[in-house]
Amino acid sequence: MSKIFKMSFASIYPMYVKKVEKKDRTKDELDQVIYWLTGYDEAGLQKQIDDGVDMETFFAEVPQLNENVTLIKGVICGYRVEDIEDPLMQKIRYMDKLVDELAKGRKMEKILRK
């Protein structure tokens, strides 16, 4: 089991915020991307942060993974996201990929696969 599975979402989230804000994107845009991917709303996302859930629990409790996740393609951390076999690791890397796209200035409608 990967150690990232047991890392708390609350410890990773501020790193995502810092990454996107450093590139002149906003926390609200980051949240919008996470809502799109996971189906969490503001209260649901905040509860996951407040409860200190690990990444495994964060994704296990996702209200509704977006039906268009299979449209997320490309390389993250040296791996093609579409080829990752472990379902949990793939979901984590989908989120990483979306955060990267946001930080790289990609248009929101492209990130959200519209």
N, C-alpha and C. Protein backbone atom coordinates (compact mmCIF):
# COMPACT_ATOMS: atom_id res chain seq x y z
N MET A 1 0.85 -1.19 0.00
CA MET A 1 0.00 0.00 0.00
C MET A 1 0.88 1.25 0.00
N SER A 2 0.53 2.18 -0.82
CA SER A 2 1.29 3.42 -0.92
C SER A 2 1.07 4.27 0.32
N LYS A 3 2.12 4.95 0.76
CA LYS A 3 1.97 5.78 1.97
C LYS A 3 1.08 6.99 1.73
N ILE A 4 0.91 7.38 0.46
CA ILE A 4 0.02 8.52 0.17
C ILE A 4 -1.42 8.18 0.56
N PHE A 5 -1.80 6.90 0.53
CA PHE A 5 -3.16 6.50 0.88
C PHE A 5 -3.50 6.88 2.32
N LYS A 6 -2.48 6.87 3.18
CA LYS A 6 -2.71 7.15 4.60
C LYS A 6 -2.42 8.60 4.98
N MET A 7 -1.97 9.40 4.01
CA MET A 7 -1.77 10.83 4.29
C MET A 7 -3.13 11.50 4.43
N SER A 8 -3.21 12.47 5.31
CA SER A 8 -4.50 13.14 5.47
C SER A 8 -4.73 14.12 4.32
N PHE A 9 -5.98 14.16 3.86
CA PHE A 9 -6.33 15.12 2.82
C PHE A 9 -6.05 16.54 3.33
N ALA A 10 -6.30 16.77 4.62
CA ALA A 10 -6.09 18.10 5.22
C ALA A 10 -4.62 18.53 5.14
N SER A 11 -3.69 17.58 5.06
CA SER A 11 -2.27 17.95 4.94
C SER A 11 -1.89 18.22 3.48
N ILE A 12 -2.60 17.62 2.55
CA ILE A 12 -2.30 17.78 1.13
C ILE A 12 -2.98 19.01 0.54
N TYR A 13 -4.20 19.27 1.01
CA TYR A 13 -4.99 20.39 0.48
C TYR A 13 -4.24 21.73 0.51
N PRO A 14 -3.60 22.11 1.65
CA PRO A 14 -2.88 23.40 1.66
C PRO A 14 -1.74 23.45 0.63
N MET A 15 -1.15 22.29 0.32
CA MET A 15 -0.11 22.25 -0.71
C MET A 15 -0.71 22.54 -2.09
N TYR A 16 -1.89 22.01 -2.32
CA TYR A 16 -2.60 22.30 -3.57
C TYR A 16 -2.91 23.80 -3.66
N VAL A 17 -3.41 24.36 -2.57
CA VAL A 17 -3.76 25.79 -2.54
C VAL A 17 -2.52 26.63 -2.84
N LYS A 18 -1.43 26.32 -2.17
CA LYS A 18 -0.18 27.06 -2.36
C LYS A 18 0.30 26.95 -3.81
N LYS A 19 0.22 25.75 -4.37
CA LYS A 19 0.67 25.52 -5.74
C LYS A 19 -0.12 26.38 -6.74
N VAL A 20 -1.46 26.40 -6.60
CA VAL A 20 -2.26 27.16 -7.57
C VAL A 20 -2.16 28.66 -7.34
N GLU A 21 -2.08 29.08 -6.07
CA GLU A 21 -1.99 30.52 -5.79
C GLU A 21 -0.66 31.10 -6.26
N LYS A 22 0.40 30.28 -6.22
CA LYS A 22 1.71 30.72 -6.70
C LYS A 22 1.65 31.03 -8.20
N LYS A 23 0.69 30.42 -8.88
CA LYS A 23 0.53 30.62 -10.33
C LYS A 23 -0.67 31.52 -10.65
N ASP A 24 -1.06 32.35 -9.66
CA ASP A 24 -2.14 33.33 -9.85
C ASP A 24 -3.50 32.70 -10.12
N ARG A 25 -3.73 31.52 -9.58
CA ARG A 25 -5.07 30.93 -9.59
C ARG A 25 -5.58 31.01 -8.15
N THR A 26 -6.87 30.72 -7.95
CA THR A 26 -7.45 30.94 -6.62
C THR A 26 -7.86 29.63 -5.94
N LYS A 27 -8.03 29.73 -4.63
CA LYS A 27 -8.53 28.61 -3.83
C LYS A 27 -9.94 28.24 -4.33
N ASP A 28 -10.74 29.23 -4.68
CA ASP A 28 -12.09 28.96 -5.20
C ASP A 28 -12.04 28.13 -6.48
N GLU A 29 -11.08 28.45 -7.36
CA GLU A 29 -10.93 27.66 -8.59
C GLU A 29 -10.50 26.23 -8.25
N LEU A 30 -9.58 26.10 -7.29
CA LEU A 30 -9.15 24.77 -6.85
C LEU A 30 -10.34 23.98 -6.32
N ASP A 31 -11.13 24.63 -5.46
CA ASP A 31 -12.31 23.96 -4.89
C ASP A 31 -13.27 23.53 -6.00
N GLN A 32 -13.46 24.38 -6.99
CA GLN A 32 -14.36 24.06 -8.11
C GLN A 32 -13.89 22.79 -8.82
N VAL A 33 -12.58 22.67 -9.01
CA VAL A 33 -12.00 21.49 -9.66
C VAL A 33 -12.24 20.24 -8.80
N ILE A 34 -12.04 20.37 -7.49
CA ILE A 34 -12.25 19.23 -6.58
C ILE A 34 -13.73 18.85 -6.54
N TYR A 35 -14.61 19.85 -6.52
CA TYR A 35 -16.05 19.55 -6.54
C TYR A 35 -16.42 18.80 -7.82
N TRP A 36 -15.87 19.26 -8.93
CA TRP A 36 -16.16 18.62 -10.22
C TRP A 36 -15.73 17.15 -10.21
N LEU A 37 -14.52 16.91 -9.72
CA LEU A 37 -13.98 15.54 -9.72
C LEU A 37 -14.74 14.63 -8.77
N THR A 38 -15.04 15.13 -7.57
CA THR A 38 -15.51 14.25 -6.49
C THR A 38 -17.00 14.31 -6.20
N GLY A 39 -17.66 15.40 -6.58
CA GLY A 39 -19.05 15.55 -6.19
C GLY A 39 -19.22 16.14 -4.80
N TYR A 40 -18.11 16.37 -4.08
CA TYR A 40 -18.23 17.06 -2.79
C TYR A 40 -18.73 18.48 -3.05
N ASP A 41 -19.46 19.03 -2.07
CA ASP A 41 -19.79 20.45 -2.10
C ASP A 41 -18.91 21.13 -1.04
N GLU A 42 -19.13 22.42 -0.84
CA GLU A 42 -18.28 23.17 0.11
C GLU A 42 -18.31 22.55 1.50
N ALA A 43 -19.51 22.25 1.99
CA ALA A 43 -19.64 21.68 3.35
C ALA A 43 -19.00 20.29 3.42
N GLY A 44 -19.21 19.49 2.38
CA GLY A 44 -18.65 18.14 2.37
C GLY A 44 -17.13 18.14 2.34
N LEU A 45 -16.57 19.03 1.53
CA LEU A 45 -15.12 19.14 1.44
C LEU A 45 -14.55 19.62 2.77
N GLN A 46 -15.19 20.63 3.37
CA GLN A 46 -14.72 21.16 4.65
C GLN A 46 -14.79 20.09 5.74
N LYS A 47 -15.81 19.26 5.71
CA LYS A 47 -15.94 18.18 6.70
C LYS A 47 -14.77 17.20 6.57
N GLN A 48 -14.40 16.85 5.35
CA GLN A 48 -13.27 15.94 5.13
C GLN A 48 -11.98 16.55 5.71
N ILE A 49 -11.81 17.85 5.51
CA ILE A 49 -10.63 18.55 6.04
C ILE A 49 -10.68 18.57 7.57
N ASP A 50 -11.83 18.96 8.12
CA ASP A 50 -11.98 19.05 9.58
C ASP A 50 -11.82 17.71 10.26
N ASP A 51 -12.31 16.64 9.62
CA ASP A 51 -12.23 15.30 10.20
C ASP A 51 -10.84 14.69 10.05
N GLY A 52 -9.99 15.30 9.24
CA GLY A 52 -8.62 14.80 9.07
C GLY A 52 -8.55 13.44 8.40
N VAL A 53 -9.50 13.17 7.50
CA VAL A 53 -9.53 11.84 6.86
C VAL A 53 -8.30 11.63 5.97
N ASP A 54 -7.90 10.36 5.84
CA ASP A 54 -6.79 10.05 4.94
C ASP A 54 -7.31 10.01 3.50
N MET A 55 -6.39 9.93 2.56
CA MET A 55 -6.77 9.96 1.14
C MET A 55 -7.67 8.78 0.78
N GLU A 56 -7.41 7.65 1.38
CA GLU A 56 -8.23 6.46 1.11
C GLU A 56 -9.69 6.73 1.50
N THR A 57 -9.90 7.30 2.69
CA THR A 57 -11.24 7.61 3.17
C THR A 57 -11.86 8.74 2.34
N PHE A 58 -11.04 9.75 2.02
CA PHE A 58 -11.52 10.87 1.21
C PHE A 58 -12.16 10.37 -0.07
N PHE A 59 -11.49 9.45 -0.76
CA PHE A 59 -12.03 8.94 -2.02
C PHE A 59 -13.11 7.88 -1.82
N ALA A 60 -13.04 7.14 -0.72
CA ALA A 60 -14.08 6.14 -0.42
C ALA A 60 -15.43 6.83 -0.16
N GLU A 61 -15.37 8.05 0.38
CA GLU A 61 -16.59 8.78 0.75
C GLU A 61 -17.03 9.79 -0.31
N VAL A 62 -16.37 9.79 -1.47
CA VAL A 62 -16.73 10.70 -2.56
C VAL A 62 -18.21 10.51 -2.90
N PRO A 63 -18.99 11.61 -2.91
CA PRO A 63 -20.42 11.48 -3.24
C PRO A 63 -20.66 10.89 -4.64
N GLN A 64 -19.91 11.39 -5.64
CA GLN A 64 -20.12 10.93 -7.01
C GLN A 64 -18.90 11.31 -7.84
N LEU A 65 -18.06 10.32 -8.15
CA LEU A 65 -16.91 10.60 -9.01
C LEU A 65 -17.45 11.03 -10.37
N ASN A 66 -16.89 12.08 -10.92
CA ASN A 66 -17.39 12.62 -12.19
C ASN A 66 -17.31 11.56 -13.29
N GLU A 67 -18.39 11.46 -14.07
CA GLU A 67 -18.44 10.46 -15.13
C GLU A 67 -17.42 10.71 -16.23
N ASN A 68 -16.88 11.92 -16.29
CA ASN A 68 -15.90 12.25 -17.34
C ASN A 68 -14.45 12.09 -16.90
N VAL A 69 -14.21 11.39 -15.77
CA VAL A 69 -12.81 11.24 -15.32
C VAL A 69 -11.95 10.53 -16.36
N THR A 70 -12.55 9.68 -17.16
CA THR A 70 -11.77 8.95 -18.17
C THR A 70 -11.23 9.88 -19.25
N LEU A 71 -11.74 11.12 -19.30
CA LEU A 71 -11.23 12.10 -20.25
C LEU A 71 -9.93 12.76 -19.75
N ILE A 72 -9.59 12.50 -18.47
CA ILE A 72 -8.34 13.04 -17.91
C ILE A 72 -7.21 12.13 -18.38
N LYS A 73 -6.33 12.71 -19.16
CA LYS A 73 -5.22 11.93 -19.73
C LYS A 73 -3.92 12.70 -19.53
N GLY A 74 -2.82 11.99 -19.64
CA GLY A 74 -1.52 12.64 -19.56
C GLY A 74 -0.65 12.05 -18.48
N VAL A 75 0.51 12.66 -18.30
CA VAL A 75 1.52 12.14 -17.38
C VAL A 75 1.53 12.98 -16.10
N ILE A 76 1.56 12.28 -14.98
CA ILE A 76 1.72 12.93 -13.68
C ILE A 76 2.65 12.05 -12.86
N CYS A 77 3.65 12.66 -12.26
CA CYS A 77 4.65 11.92 -11.46
C CYS A 77 5.27 10.77 -12.27
N GLY A 78 5.43 10.98 -13.56
CA GLY A 78 6.07 9.96 -14.39
C GLY A 78 5.18 8.83 -14.87
N TYR A 79 3.90 8.88 -14.54
CA TYR A 79 2.97 7.82 -14.94
C TYR A 79 1.84 8.40 -15.77
N ARG A 80 1.39 7.66 -16.76
CA ARG A 80 0.20 8.06 -17.52
C ARG A 80 -1.01 7.76 -16.64
N VAL A 81 -1.82 8.78 -16.33
CA VAL A 81 -2.95 8.57 -15.42
C VAL A 81 -3.92 7.51 -15.94
N GLU A 82 -4.09 7.46 -17.26
CA GLU A 82 -5.05 6.51 -17.82
C GLU A 82 -4.56 5.06 -17.70
N ASP A 83 -3.25 4.85 -17.42
CA ASP A 83 -2.69 3.49 -17.33
C ASP A 83 -2.48 3.00 -15.90
N ILE A 84 -2.76 3.84 -14.91
CA ILE A 84 -2.55 3.43 -13.51
C ILE A 84 -3.58 2.37 -13.15
N GLU A 85 -3.10 1.23 -12.66
CA GLU A 85 -4.00 0.09 -12.41
C GLU A 85 -4.72 0.15 -11.08
N ASP A 86 -4.06 0.67 -10.04
CA ASP A 86 -4.71 0.74 -8.73
C ASP A 86 -5.78 1.84 -8.77
N PRO A 87 -7.05 1.49 -8.52
CA PRO A 87 -8.14 2.47 -8.65
C PRO A 87 -7.98 3.69 -7.72
N LEU A 88 -7.52 3.47 -6.49
CA LEU A 88 -7.35 4.59 -5.56
C LEU A 88 -6.21 5.50 -6.03
N MET A 89 -5.09 4.90 -6.41
CA MET A 89 -3.96 5.70 -6.88
C MET A 89 -4.37 6.49 -8.13
N GLN A 90 -5.15 5.87 -8.98
CA GLN A 90 -5.59 6.56 -10.19
C GLN A 90 -6.43 7.79 -9.84
N LYS A 91 -7.34 7.66 -8.87
CA LYS A 91 -8.17 8.80 -8.46
C LYS A 91 -7.31 9.92 -7.88
N ILE A 92 -6.32 9.54 -7.06
CA ILE A 92 -5.42 10.54 -6.47
C ILE A 92 -4.67 11.26 -7.58
N ARG A 93 -4.18 10.51 -8.56
CA ARG A 93 -3.43 11.12 -9.67
C ARG A 93 -4.32 11.94 -10.58
N TYR A 94 -5.59 11.55 -10.72
CA TYR A 94 -6.53 12.40 -11.47
C TYR A 94 -6.59 13.78 -10.80
N MET A 95 -6.71 13.78 -9.48
CA MET A 95 -6.79 15.05 -8.76
C MET A 95 -5.49 15.83 -8.93
N ASP A 96 -4.35 15.15 -8.80
CA ASP A 96 -3.06 15.81 -9.00
C ASP A 96 -2.97 16.44 -10.39
N LYS A 97 -3.44 15.71 -11.39
CA LYS A 97 -3.38 16.17 -12.78
C LYS A 97 -4.23 17.43 -12.96
N LEU A 98 -5.43 17.43 -12.39
CA LEU A 98 -6.31 18.60 -12.50
C LEU A 98 -5.69 19.81 -11.82
N VAL A 99 -5.08 19.59 -10.64
CA VAL A 99 -4.43 20.69 -9.91
C VAL A 99 -3.26 21.23 -10.74
N ASP A 100 -2.50 20.32 -11.37
CA ASP A 100 -1.40 20.75 -12.24
C ASP A 100 -1.91 21.61 -13.40
N GLU A 101 -2.98 21.15 -14.03
CA GLU A 101 -3.55 21.89 -15.16
C GLU A 101 -3.99 23.29 -14.71
N LEU A 102 -4.60 23.37 -13.54
CA LEU A 102 -5.03 24.66 -12.99
C LEU A 102 -3.81 25.55 -12.77
N ALA A 103 -2.77 24.99 -12.16
CA ALA A 103 -1.56 25.76 -11.87
C ALA A 103 -0.85 26.20 -13.16
N LYS A 104 -1.01 25.43 -14.21
CA LYS A 104 -0.35 25.77 -15.48
C LYS A 104 -1.16 26.77 -16.30
N GLY A 105 -2.29 27.25 -15.75
CA GLY A 105 -3.05 28.29 -16.41
C GLY A 105 -4.03 27.80 -17.46
N ARG A 106 -4.30 26.51 -17.45
CA ARG A 106 -5.26 25.99 -18.42
C ARG A 106 -6.64 26.59 -18.15
N LYS A 107 -7.42 26.80 -19.19
CA LYS A 107 -8.77 27.35 -19.05
C LYS A 107 -9.65 26.38 -18.27
N MET A 108 -10.51 26.94 -17.41
CA MET A 108 -11.37 26.14 -16.55
C MET A 108 -12.24 25.17 -17.35
N GLU A 109 -12.81 25.59 -18.47
CA GLU A 109 -13.69 24.69 -19.22
C GLU A 109 -12.91 23.50 -19.77
N LYS A 110 -11.62 23.67 -20.03
CA LYS A 110 -10.80 22.53 -20.48
C LYS A 110 -10.48 21.61 -19.31
N ILE A 111 -10.15 22.19 -18.15
CA ILE A 111 -9.86 21.39 -16.97
C ILE A 111 -11.09 20.54 -16.60
N LEU A 112 -12.27 21.17 -16.68
CA LEU A 112 -13.51 20.47 -16.31
C LEU A 112 -14.09 19.64 -17.47
N ARG A 113 -13.28 19.47 -18.50
CA ARG A 113 -13.61 18.59 -19.62
C ARG A 113 -14.98 18.89 -20.21
N LYS A 114 -15.22 20.20 -20.48
CA LYS A 114 -16.51 20.61 -21.06
C LYS A 114 -16.42 20.62 -22.56
